[in-house]
Protein backbone atom coordinates (compact mmCIF):
# COMPACT_ATOMS: atom_id res chain seq x y z
CA MET A 1 5.75 101.61 -31.49
CA ALA A 2 3.62 100.45 -28.60
CA LEU A 3 0.45 100.77 -30.71
CA VAL A 4 1.93 98.48 -33.39
CA ALA A 5 2.94 95.95 -30.57
CA TYR A 6 -0.44 96.07 -29.12
CA HIS A 7 -1.92 95.57 -32.45
CA VAL A 8 0.20 92.49 -33.17
CA TYR A 9 -0.46 90.66 -29.88
CA THR A 10 -4.02 91.39 -29.50
CA SER A 11 -5.26 90.97 -32.98
CA ARG A 12 -7.06 87.67 -33.68
CA PRO A 13 -5.05 84.73 -35.06
CA THR A 14 -5.26 84.12 -38.75
CA ALA A 15 -6.60 80.73 -40.19
CA GLN A 16 -3.20 79.70 -41.04
CA ALA A 17 -1.94 80.28 -37.62
CA PHE A 18 -4.86 78.34 -36.01
CA SER A 19 -4.23 75.45 -38.35
CA SER A 20 -0.52 75.42 -37.42
CA LEU A 21 -1.45 75.37 -33.62
CA LEU A 22 -4.09 72.58 -34.25
CA PHE A 23 -1.41 70.58 -36.07
CA LEU A 24 1.12 71.00 -33.20
CA ALA A 25 -1.53 69.96 -30.72
CA ILE A 26 -2.50 66.84 -32.69
CA LEU A 27 1.14 65.88 -33.15
CA ALA A 28 1.92 66.58 -29.39
CA ALA A 29 -0.99 64.28 -28.58
CA ALA A 30 -0.06 61.59 -31.00
CA PHE A 31 3.61 61.68 -29.54
CA TYR A 32 2.12 61.37 -26.05
CA ARG A 33 -0.07 58.42 -27.03
CA LEU A 34 2.94 56.80 -28.66
CA ALA A 35 5.10 57.41 -25.65
CA LEU A 36 2.21 56.12 -23.42
CA ALA A 37 1.84 53.10 -25.62
CA GLU A 38 5.47 52.38 -25.60
CA SER A 39 5.56 52.70 -21.83
CA ARG A 40 2.66 50.35 -21.62
CA ARG A 41 4.21 47.85 -24.05
CA ASP A 42 7.51 47.88 -22.13
CA LYS A 43 5.69 47.26 -19.00
CA THR A 44 3.70 44.43 -20.68
CA GLU A 45 6.89 42.94 -21.98
CA GLN A 46 8.56 43.23 -18.63
CA ALA A 47 5.39 41.50 -17.02
CA LEU A 48 5.61 38.80 -19.70
CA ARG A 49 9.29 38.25 -19.22
CA ARG A 50 8.78 38.18 -15.51
CA SER A 51 5.85 35.70 -15.88
CA GLN A 52 7.77 33.45 -18.10
CA ALA A 53 10.80 33.44 -15.70
CA LEU A 54 8.51 32.66 -12.85
CA LEU A 55 6.90 29.86 -14.98
CA ASN A 56 10.30 28.47 -15.75
CA GLN A 57 11.33 28.52 -12.18
CA ALA A 58 8.05 26.79 -11.14
CA GLN A 59 8.64 24.11 -13.77
CA ALA A 60 12.04 23.58 -12.80
CA VAL A 61 10.99 23.33 -8.85
CA GLY A 62 8.13 21.11 -9.81
CA LYS A 63 10.12 19.21 -12.47
CA PHE A 64 7.19 19.93 -14.67
CA GLY A 65 7.28 20.54 -18.41
CA GLY A 66 4.88 21.13 -21.30
CA TRP A 67 4.90 20.04 -24.91
CA GLU A 68 2.74 20.60 -28.15
CA TYR A 69 2.21 18.50 -31.20
CA ASP A 70 0.95 20.31 -34.49
CA VAL A 71 -1.03 17.79 -36.41
CA ALA A 72 -0.91 19.49 -39.75
CA THR A 73 2.93 20.16 -39.78
CA GLY A 74 4.19 17.29 -37.39
CA GLN A 75 6.25 19.84 -35.47
CA VAL A 76 6.72 19.46 -31.61
CA PHE A 77 7.55 22.15 -29.15
CA TRP A 78 8.96 21.46 -25.77
CA THR A 79 9.42 23.81 -22.88
CA GLU A 80 12.74 24.11 -21.31
CA GLU A 81 12.01 21.69 -18.39
CA VAL A 82 11.28 18.94 -20.76
CA TYR A 83 14.70 19.18 -22.31
CA ARG A 84 16.16 19.02 -18.79
CA ILE A 85 14.01 16.11 -17.68
CA LEU A 86 15.14 14.03 -20.79
CA GLU A 87 18.77 15.27 -20.27
CA VAL A 88 19.06 16.71 -23.98
CA GLY A 89 20.50 20.08 -25.18
CA PRO A 90 18.58 22.70 -27.09
CA GLU A 91 19.99 21.21 -30.24
CA TYR A 92 17.75 18.15 -29.90
CA ASP A 93 14.81 18.11 -32.45
CA PRO A 94 11.79 16.77 -30.69
CA SER A 95 9.72 16.49 -33.77
CA ASN A 96 10.70 12.87 -34.43
CA VAL A 97 7.98 11.39 -32.10
CA ALA A 98 9.04 7.69 -32.50
CA LYS A 99 12.60 8.88 -31.47
CA ASP A 100 11.05 10.66 -28.38
CA ILE A 101 9.25 7.59 -27.27
CA GLU A 102 12.46 5.57 -27.19
CA PHE A 103 13.32 7.49 -23.89
CA CYS A 104 10.64 5.19 -22.42
CA ALA A 105 11.37 1.85 -20.95
CA PRO A 106 10.96 -0.97 -23.63
CA ASP A 107 7.93 -2.50 -21.79
CA VAL A 108 5.90 0.68 -21.85
CA ARG A 109 6.88 1.93 -25.30
CA THR A 110 3.90 0.42 -26.95
CA VAL A 111 1.30 1.75 -24.39
CA ILE A 112 2.68 5.21 -24.78
CA THR A 113 2.75 4.95 -28.61
CA ARG A 114 -0.88 3.86 -28.81
CA ALA A 115 -2.07 6.43 -26.35
CA PHE A 116 -0.47 9.21 -28.46
CA GLU A 117 -1.76 7.82 -31.72
CA ARG A 118 -5.33 7.62 -30.37
CA ALA A 119 -4.98 11.27 -29.10
CA VAL A 120 -3.89 12.38 -32.56
CA ALA A 121 -6.50 10.30 -34.49
CA LEU A 122 -9.50 10.29 -32.24
CA GLY A 123 -8.74 13.10 -29.64
CA GLU A 124 -8.70 10.80 -26.71
CA PRO A 125 -6.87 12.09 -23.70
CA TYR A 126 -4.40 10.03 -21.62
CA ASP A 127 -2.71 10.20 -18.26
CA LEU A 128 0.14 7.63 -17.74
CA GLU A 129 3.08 6.90 -15.65
CA ALA A 130 6.17 5.25 -17.08
CA ARG A 131 9.66 4.50 -16.50
CA PHE A 132 12.18 6.73 -18.60
CA THR A 133 15.85 6.65 -19.20
CA GLY A 134 17.39 10.01 -19.85
CA ALA A 135 19.95 10.68 -22.70
CA LYS A 136 22.68 10.52 -19.76
CA GLY A 137 21.47 7.23 -18.71
CA THR A 138 19.63 8.32 -15.52
CA HIS A 139 16.50 6.16 -14.85
CA LYS A 140 13.45 8.09 -13.90
CA TRP A 141 9.74 7.72 -13.38
CA VAL A 142 7.69 10.27 -15.28
CA ARG A 143 3.93 11.06 -15.62
CA THR A 144 2.73 12.19 -18.90
CA SER A 145 -0.77 13.35 -19.87
CA ALA A 146 -2.17 14.93 -22.93
CA ARG A 147 -5.44 16.33 -24.44
CA ALA A 148 -6.43 17.23 -27.94
CA GLU A 149 -7.58 20.66 -29.32
CA ILE A 150 -10.27 19.73 -31.73
CA VAL A 151 -11.49 22.24 -34.31
CA GLY A 152 -14.26 21.57 -36.86
CA GLY A 153 -14.36 17.90 -35.70
CA LYS A 154 -10.70 17.37 -36.34
CA VAL A 155 -7.81 17.28 -34.04
CA ARG A 156 -5.58 20.47 -34.62
CA ARG A 157 -3.14 20.17 -31.78
CA VAL A 158 -2.19 17.67 -28.92
CA ILE A 159 -1.05 19.65 -25.87
CA GLY A 160 0.60 17.62 -23.05
CA ASP A 161 2.86 17.65 -20.05
CA ILE A 162 5.58 15.60 -18.58
CA GLN A 163 6.62 15.65 -14.93
CA ASP A 164 9.55 13.94 -13.20
CA ILE A 165 7.91 11.78 -10.35
CA THR A 166 10.99 9.83 -9.45
CA ASP A 167 11.17 11.35 -5.89
CA ARG A 168 7.48 10.36 -5.34
CA LYS A 169 8.02 6.85 -6.64
CA VAL A 170 10.96 6.22 -4.45
CA ALA A 171 9.00 7.53 -1.37
CA GLU A 172 6.08 5.27 -2.32
CA VAL A 173 8.46 2.23 -2.59
CA ARG A 174 10.03 3.14 0.67
CA SER A 175 6.61 3.59 2.34
CA GLY A 176 5.47 0.25 1.03
CA PHE A 177 8.56 -1.39 2.17
CA LEU A 178 8.25 0.13 5.82
CA ALA A 179 4.63 -1.05 5.88
CA ASN A 180 5.69 -4.65 5.53
CA HIS A 181 9.15 -4.66 7.12
CA ASP A 182 10.65 -3.97 10.60
CA ARG A 183 12.23 -0.45 10.64
CA LEU A 184 15.20 -1.42 12.60
CA THR A 185 16.41 -4.60 11.00
CA GLU A 186 14.52 -4.20 7.59
CA LEU A 187 13.24 -7.87 7.92
CA PRO A 188 9.72 -8.73 6.92
CA ASN A 189 7.24 -7.91 9.83
CA ARG A 190 4.60 -10.21 11.12
CA GLU A 191 2.16 -9.33 8.51
CA LEU A 192 4.47 -10.04 5.60
CA PHE A 193 5.73 -13.17 7.39
CA TYR A 194 2.10 -14.52 7.56
CA ASP A 195 1.71 -13.74 3.86
CA ARG A 196 4.88 -15.69 2.99
CA LEU A 197 3.95 -18.41 5.16
CA SER A 198 0.52 -18.63 3.47
CA GLN A 199 2.12 -18.78 0.04
CA ALA A 200 4.58 -21.60 1.28
CA ILE A 201 1.75 -23.62 2.72
CA SER A 202 -0.42 -23.22 -0.49
CA ARG A 203 2.64 -24.30 -2.67
CA ALA A 204 3.59 -27.18 -0.44
CA ALA A 205 0.02 -28.53 -0.44
CA ARG A 206 -0.01 -28.70 -4.21
CA ARG A 207 3.36 -30.31 -4.49
CA LYS A 208 2.77 -32.74 -1.51
CA GLU A 209 5.87 -31.22 0.26
CA CYS A 210 6.57 -29.95 3.76
CA VAL A 211 7.09 -26.30 5.15
CA ALA A 212 9.12 -25.78 8.36
CA VAL A 213 8.27 -22.98 10.75
CA PHE A 214 10.91 -21.78 13.15
CA LEU A 215 10.20 -19.51 16.11
CA LEU A 216 13.39 -18.03 17.62
CA ASP A 217 13.88 -16.30 20.92
CA LEU A 218 17.30 -14.87 21.77
CA ASP A 219 18.93 -16.08 24.94
CA ASP A 220 20.60 -13.70 27.22
CA PHE A 221 19.80 -10.71 25.17
CA LYS A 222 18.34 -8.64 27.96
CA PRO A 223 21.77 -7.97 29.69
CA ILE A 224 22.90 -6.24 26.58
CA ASN A 225 20.21 -3.64 26.94
CA ASP A 226 20.60 -3.48 30.73
CA ASN A 227 24.46 -3.21 30.70
CA TYR A 228 25.10 -1.20 27.47
CA GLY A 229 21.88 0.62 26.75
CA HIS A 230 19.14 0.22 24.12
CA ALA A 231 21.47 1.56 21.29
CA ALA A 232 23.76 -1.25 21.74
CA GLY A 233 20.81 -3.62 21.81
CA ASP A 234 19.63 -2.36 18.40
CA VAL A 235 22.96 -2.72 17.02
CA ALA A 236 22.97 -6.49 18.30
CA LEU A 237 19.51 -6.95 16.65
CA ILE A 238 20.74 -5.76 13.31
CA MET A 239 23.72 -7.99 13.52
CA VAL A 240 21.43 -11.06 14.45
CA ALA A 241 19.26 -10.35 11.39
CA ARG A 242 22.23 -10.32 9.07
CA ARG A 243 23.50 -13.57 10.53
CA LEU A 244 20.09 -15.14 10.19
CA LYS A 245 19.68 -14.16 6.53
CA ALA A 246 23.07 -15.58 5.79
CA CYS A 247 22.06 -18.96 7.06
CA LEU A 248 18.96 -19.14 4.84
CA ARG A 249 18.33 -19.64 1.17
CA ASN A 250 17.08 -16.93 -0.96
CA MET A 251 13.62 -18.54 -1.17
CA ASP A 252 13.28 -18.68 2.56
CA THR A 253 11.91 -15.88 4.88
CA VAL A 254 13.19 -14.70 8.19
CA ALA A 255 11.17 -12.05 9.92
CA ARG A 256 11.29 -10.05 13.15
CA LEU A 257 8.05 -10.48 15.04
CA GLY A 258 9.05 -8.02 17.84
CA GLY A 259 11.65 -7.57 20.45
CA ASP A 260 14.17 -10.29 20.29
CA GLU A 261 11.74 -12.82 18.63
CA PHE A 262 12.35 -13.79 15.12
CA ALA A 263 10.56 -16.33 12.76
CA VAL A 264 11.58 -18.36 9.76
CA VAL A 265 9.69 -20.12 6.96
CA LEU A 266 11.54 -22.84 5.11
CA GLY A 267 9.64 -23.71 1.87
CA ASP A 268 9.99 -26.72 -0.34
CA VAL A 269 11.23 -29.13 2.45
CA GLU A 270 11.25 -32.66 1.14
CA ASN A 271 12.12 -34.14 4.47
CA PRO A 272 11.20 -32.42 7.81
CA ALA A 273 14.67 -33.72 8.98
CA ASP A 274 16.15 -31.31 6.68
CA SER A 275 15.31 -28.32 8.71
CA LYS A 276 17.63 -29.60 11.54
CA THR A 277 20.61 -28.71 9.45
CA ILE A 278 19.43 -25.10 9.24
CA ALA A 279 18.62 -24.95 12.97
CA GLU A 280 22.04 -26.20 13.81
CA LYS A 281 23.55 -23.63 11.51
CA ILE A 282 21.66 -20.82 13.01
CA ILE A 283 22.59 -21.84 16.50
CA LYS A 284 26.24 -21.97 15.53
CA SER A 285 26.13 -18.68 13.79
CA LEU A 286 24.50 -16.81 16.68
CA SER A 287 26.88 -18.41 19.14
CA GLU A 288 29.72 -16.37 17.76
CA PRO A 289 30.50 -13.35 19.68
CA LEU A 290 28.75 -10.00 18.78
CA LYS A 291 31.43 -7.34 18.35
CA LEU A 292 29.59 -4.12 19.25
CA ILE A 293 31.13 -0.62 19.13
CA ASP A 294 32.51 0.64 22.38
CA THR A 295 31.25 -2.34 24.28
CA GLY A 296 33.54 -5.12 23.33
CA GLU A 297 32.20 -8.64 22.60
CA CYS A 298 28.73 -9.92 23.82
CA HIS A 299 27.39 -13.33 23.73
CA ILE A 300 24.03 -14.53 23.20
CA GLY A 301 22.24 -17.79 22.35
CA VAL A 302 18.96 -18.78 20.60
CA SER A 303 16.15 -21.14 21.48
CA ILE A 304 14.39 -22.52 18.48
CA GLY A 305 11.00 -24.08 18.21
CA ILE A 306 10.27 -25.91 15.05
CA ALA A 307 6.75 -26.98 13.64
CA ILE A 308 6.15 -28.83 10.39
CA PHE A 309 3.23 -28.46 7.94
CA PRO A 310 1.28 -30.60 7.51
CA GLU A 311 2.42 -32.95 10.43
CA ASN A 312 1.78 -30.14 13.21
CA GLY A 313 -1.13 -28.34 11.60
CA SER A 314 -2.58 -26.98 8.30
CA GLU A 315 -3.31 -23.54 9.55
CA ILE A 316 -1.19 -20.57 10.36
CA ASP A 317 -2.29 -20.17 14.00
CA LYS A 318 -1.80 -23.99 14.65
CA LEU A 319 1.59 -24.12 13.20
CA MET A 320 2.61 -20.84 15.08
CA SER A 321 1.22 -22.23 18.30
CA ALA A 322 3.04 -25.56 17.79
CA ALA A 323 6.42 -23.79 17.10
CA ASP A 324 5.89 -21.57 20.14
CA SER A 325 5.29 -24.36 22.58
CA ALA A 326 8.44 -26.14 21.00
CA MET A 327 10.32 -22.96 21.45
CA TYR A 328 9.52 -22.89 25.25
CA GLU A 329 10.58 -26.64 25.43
CA SER A 330 13.92 -25.49 24.08
CA LYS A 331 14.19 -22.79 26.77
CA ALA A 332 13.36 -25.36 29.51
CA ARG A 333 16.12 -27.72 28.12
CA GLY A 334 18.74 -25.24 28.86
CA LYS A 335 18.63 -22.82 25.94
CA ASN A 336 20.62 -22.51 22.84
CA THR A 337 19.09 -25.58 21.28
CA TYR A 338 16.08 -26.48 18.88
CA THR A 339 12.99 -28.76 19.49
CA PHE A 340 10.64 -30.09 16.98
CA SER A 341 6.89 -29.88 17.79
CA SER A 342 5.23 -32.97 19.09
CA GLU A 343 1.72 -31.39 18.87
CA GLY A 344 -0.55 -33.90 17.01
CA THR A 345 -0.38 -35.56 13.57
CA HIS A 346 -1.87 -34.40 10.27
CA ALA A 347 -4.55 -36.96 10.54
CA GLU A 348 -5.38 -35.77 14.10
CA ALA A 349 -5.33 -32.19 13.04
CA ALA A 350 -7.70 -32.93 10.19
CA ALA A 351 -10.04 -34.77 12.42
CA ARG A 352 -10.33 -31.71 14.78
CA PRO A 353 -12.36 -28.50 13.91
CA TRP A 354 -10.20 -25.56 13.11
CA ILE A 355 -12.44 -23.38 15.20
CA ALA A 356 -14.12 -24.88 18.08
CA LEU A 357 -16.40 -22.68 20.32
CA ASP A 358 -16.11 -24.17 23.85
CA ALA A 359 -17.68 -22.94 26.91
CA SER A 360 -15.33 -20.08 27.46
CA LEU A 361 -16.51 -18.58 24.20
CA MET A 362 -20.21 -18.95 25.05
CA VAL A 363 -21.78 -15.55 25.64
CA GLY A 364 -24.78 -16.80 27.58
CA SER A 365 -27.54 -15.97 24.97
CA PRO A 366 -28.68 -19.27 23.38
CA GLU A 367 -29.80 -17.53 20.17
CA ILE A 368 -26.45 -15.52 19.75
CA ASP A 369 -24.37 -18.56 20.77
CA GLN A 370 -26.10 -20.72 18.23
CA GLN A 371 -25.47 -18.13 15.39
CA HIS A 372 -21.80 -17.90 16.54
CA GLN A 373 -21.54 -21.63 16.28
CA ARG A 374 -23.02 -21.44 12.67
CA ILE A 375 -20.50 -18.92 11.56
CA ALA A 376 -17.61 -21.04 13.11
CA ASN A 377 -18.95 -24.07 11.03
CA LEU A 378 -18.99 -21.99 7.91
CA LEU A 379 -15.51 -20.99 8.48
CA ASN A 380 -14.44 -24.55 9.14
CA ASN A 381 -16.21 -25.54 5.91
CA LEU A 382 -14.32 -22.81 4.13
CA ASN A 383 -11.11 -23.70 5.55
CA THR A 384 -11.46 -27.40 4.62
CA ALA A 385 -12.33 -26.56 1.08
CA VAL A 386 -9.25 -24.37 0.72
CA LYS A 387 -7.04 -27.27 1.89
CA TYR A 388 -8.56 -30.35 0.53
CA ALA A 389 -10.87 -29.49 -2.42
CA ASP A 390 -9.77 -30.60 -5.94
CA GLU A 391 -11.00 -27.58 -7.53
CA PRO A 392 -11.33 -24.89 -4.72
CA ALA A 393 -11.78 -21.79 -6.64
CA GLU A 394 -15.46 -21.87 -7.34
CA LEU A 395 -16.40 -23.83 -4.11
CA THR A 396 -14.49 -21.55 -1.84
CA ALA A 397 -15.90 -18.36 -3.50
CA ARG A 398 -19.44 -19.79 -2.91
CA LEU A 399 -18.74 -20.83 0.71
CA PHE A 400 -17.17 -17.46 1.37
CA ASP A 401 -20.31 -15.62 0.13
CA GLU A 402 -22.44 -17.97 2.27
CA MET A 403 -20.43 -17.03 5.23
CA VAL A 404 -21.00 -13.30 4.46
CA HIS A 405 -24.70 -13.65 4.05
CA TYR A 406 -24.99 -15.48 7.32
CA VAL A 407 -22.80 -12.69 9.12
CA ARG A 408 -25.38 -10.12 7.73
CA PHE A 409 -28.15 -12.12 9.14
CA HIS A 410 -26.54 -12.50 12.47
CA PHE A 411 -25.87 -8.66 12.81
CA GLN A 412 -29.48 -8.17 11.67
CA THR A 413 -30.60 -10.51 14.51
CA GLU A 414 -28.48 -8.66 17.21
CA GLU A 415 -29.66 -5.17 15.89
CA ARG A 416 -33.40 -6.34 16.22
CA LEU A 417 -32.73 -7.56 19.74
CA MET A 418 -31.09 -4.14 20.65
CA ASP A 419 -33.90 -2.14 19.22
CA ARG A 420 -36.64 -4.05 21.05
CA GLN A 421 -34.80 -4.02 24.47
CA GLY A 422 -33.19 -0.65 24.34
CA TYR A 423 -29.57 -1.62 24.37
CA PRO A 424 -27.72 1.52 25.61
CA ASP A 425 -24.78 0.91 23.41
CA ARG A 426 -26.77 0.25 20.38
CA ILE A 427 -25.17 2.85 18.05
CA ALA A 428 -21.77 1.88 18.85
CA HIS A 429 -22.44 -1.80 18.39
CA ILE A 430 -24.19 -1.08 14.89
CA ASN A 431 -21.11 0.97 13.93
CA ALA A 432 -18.89 -2.01 14.79
CA HIS A 433 -21.18 -4.13 12.63
CA GLN A 434 -20.62 -1.95 9.51
CA LYS A 435 -16.90 -1.63 10.20
CA LEU A 436 -16.66 -5.43 10.40
CA LEU A 437 -18.65 -6.02 7.27
CA ASP A 438 -16.31 -3.47 5.38
CA GLU A 439 -13.40 -5.48 6.68
CA VAL A 440 -14.85 -8.85 5.64
CA MET A 441 -15.53 -7.48 2.03
CA TYR A 442 -12.02 -6.24 1.80
CA LEU A 443 -10.79 -9.75 2.96
CA ARG A 444 -13.08 -11.33 0.35
CA THR A 445 -11.08 -9.36 -2.34
CA LYS A 446 -7.82 -10.44 -0.88
CA PHE A 447 -9.22 -14.06 -0.62
CA ILE A 448 -9.99 -14.20 -4.27
CA GLN A 449 -6.45 -12.80 -5.11
CA GLY A 450 -4.87 -15.69 -3.52
CA GLY A 451 -4.26 -14.87 0.16
CA GLU A 452 -6.71 -17.67 1.40
CA LEU A 453 -4.69 -18.70 4.50
CA VAL A 454 -4.09 -15.27 5.69
CA VAL A 455 -7.61 -14.20 5.19
CA LEU A 456 -8.96 -17.38 7.03
CA GLN A 457 -6.63 -16.54 10.00
CA SER A 458 -7.95 -12.90 9.86
CA LEU A 459 -11.69 -14.12 9.81
CA LYS A 460 -11.04 -16.39 12.70
CA ASP A 461 -9.23 -13.64 14.80
CA TRP A 462 -12.21 -11.45 13.88
CA LEU A 463 -14.96 -13.77 15.08
CA LEU A 464 -13.26 -14.38 18.33
CA LEU A 465 -12.55 -10.71 18.95
CA HIS A 466 -16.04 -9.86 18.15
CA ILE A 467 -17.47 -12.34 20.52
CA ALA A 468 -15.34 -11.19 23.50
CA SER A 469 -15.46 -7.45 22.97
CA SER A 470 -19.10 -6.69 21.61
CA ASP A 471 -21.37 -9.79 21.77
CA ARG A 472 -20.51 -10.84 25.46
CA PRO A 473 -21.63 -7.40 26.94
CA LEU A 474 -24.65 -7.51 24.64
CA ALA A 475 -25.62 -10.96 25.90
CA GLU A 476 -25.17 -9.92 29.55
CA TYR A 477 -27.54 -7.15 29.02
CA LEU A 478 -30.07 -9.38 27.41
CA ALA A 479 -29.78 -11.77 30.35
CA ASN A 480 -31.45 -9.18 32.51
CA PRO A 481 -34.89 -10.71 33.49
CA GLN A 482 -36.82 -7.43 32.80
CA GLU A 483 -35.24 -6.88 29.44
CA LYS A 484 -35.48 -10.55 28.53
CA ALA A 485 -39.15 -10.43 28.98
CA LEU A 486 -39.50 -7.87 26.31
CA ALA A 487 -37.52 -9.97 23.78
CA ALA A 488 -39.45 -11.31 20.77
CA PRO A 489 -38.37 -14.33 18.81
CA THR A 490 -36.42 -13.74 15.59
CA PRO A 491 -36.88 -15.52 12.23
CA GLU A 492 -34.71 -18.41 11.29
CA PHE A 493 -32.21 -17.62 8.48
CA SER A 494 -33.00 -19.00 5.08
CA ILE A 495 -31.74 -18.54 1.47
CA ALA A 496 -34.29 -15.62 1.21
CA ASP A 497 -32.32 -13.63 3.52
CA ARG A 498 -29.47 -13.29 1.15
């Protein structure tokens, strides 16, 4: 029996047995590979599901969705976020493109339609911002862009995206508002006030009308801060701002210039005496007690100075100076009153140069002083052209460019002097020149766009500041006898220097 068993287990396998074993091995390997592939597929599907979930979450967080348009079939596919942005459910069929575009505000539908049609027909990409209204009536700002997939010279698909940028737009509007308004009272600030005053003067000059400028300084305001604290003072300023706005027309401007100082522009004034009524209304309104929280009633007054365009001046700085002097006269007269400026007449103002470089503005270098005077004359000519020329656009543009060219020549003159005499602050001075030229070119753009008077005022301020802060120290250095001996004559300015 043992011999039989030994023979069975030690004998060589038959061909049939070997084939069976090989089949089983192959089958096992196939099952293993199948199981491995299934495992990998499960992992891949899990990864894809996870990736899709993350993508959906990212789109929801970023308020960003994608879409696709098949040119051949006209079918449109949206991601989930597009449905959310447009406030429609999954039952909505996006394939009606004309209906989709109706979500846009009426004034931009044509722009969006043309951009989409050119993308489909010509493969042109686009990137646009537009106002949308969702299906539930929510007003939004969106950014939409698209690019074409071109195969064989033909557009196969248009692939795009849409993003809800409402929060960004609101922030931009708020940022722009704060750049031009006082944070506490939300009234226009000094820069916006000057812009409004410039517009009012330009409009009045065309219509042969007047503009009234008020400067207001609150009387007895300091005790509120001293006795009740600055928080109470802030509340009082907010209340004053509201009362001032209530005294004016919608077309008028009231601004906070700083502290307890305010300013008003009254446009379209047919008779300067009409501004008297507004001044009396303001004084009466601010004489009413201010009822502050936890502090009871507080009493203030206001001193007002009034300047009239064109009677007291045609430039912003002259009108502001005239109103300021009149305001201090009101203070001297016992406060809580108004005073009209008595500074000059329109004819007298027209006869005087706008910028006059007196002895206090001479830096002591004849060459530099002469060039400063030339720049002042060019600015005076430009100012006159803005105010009195029948067709100022072409003339003022030419005069502005002439002024810019001469400013460049002036800077080149100073730089040659600095090079020859080893001026120690040469680099800083040259950098200041470049910065000023950049600013002048920016002002040129603003000038052409219609802000002539504001730009002229900025140019005047620029010239006087440059003389005091940069050119006076340079002239003092050049006045040194040892350095002056090294100076060489500089060429005269000519049209060729342009």
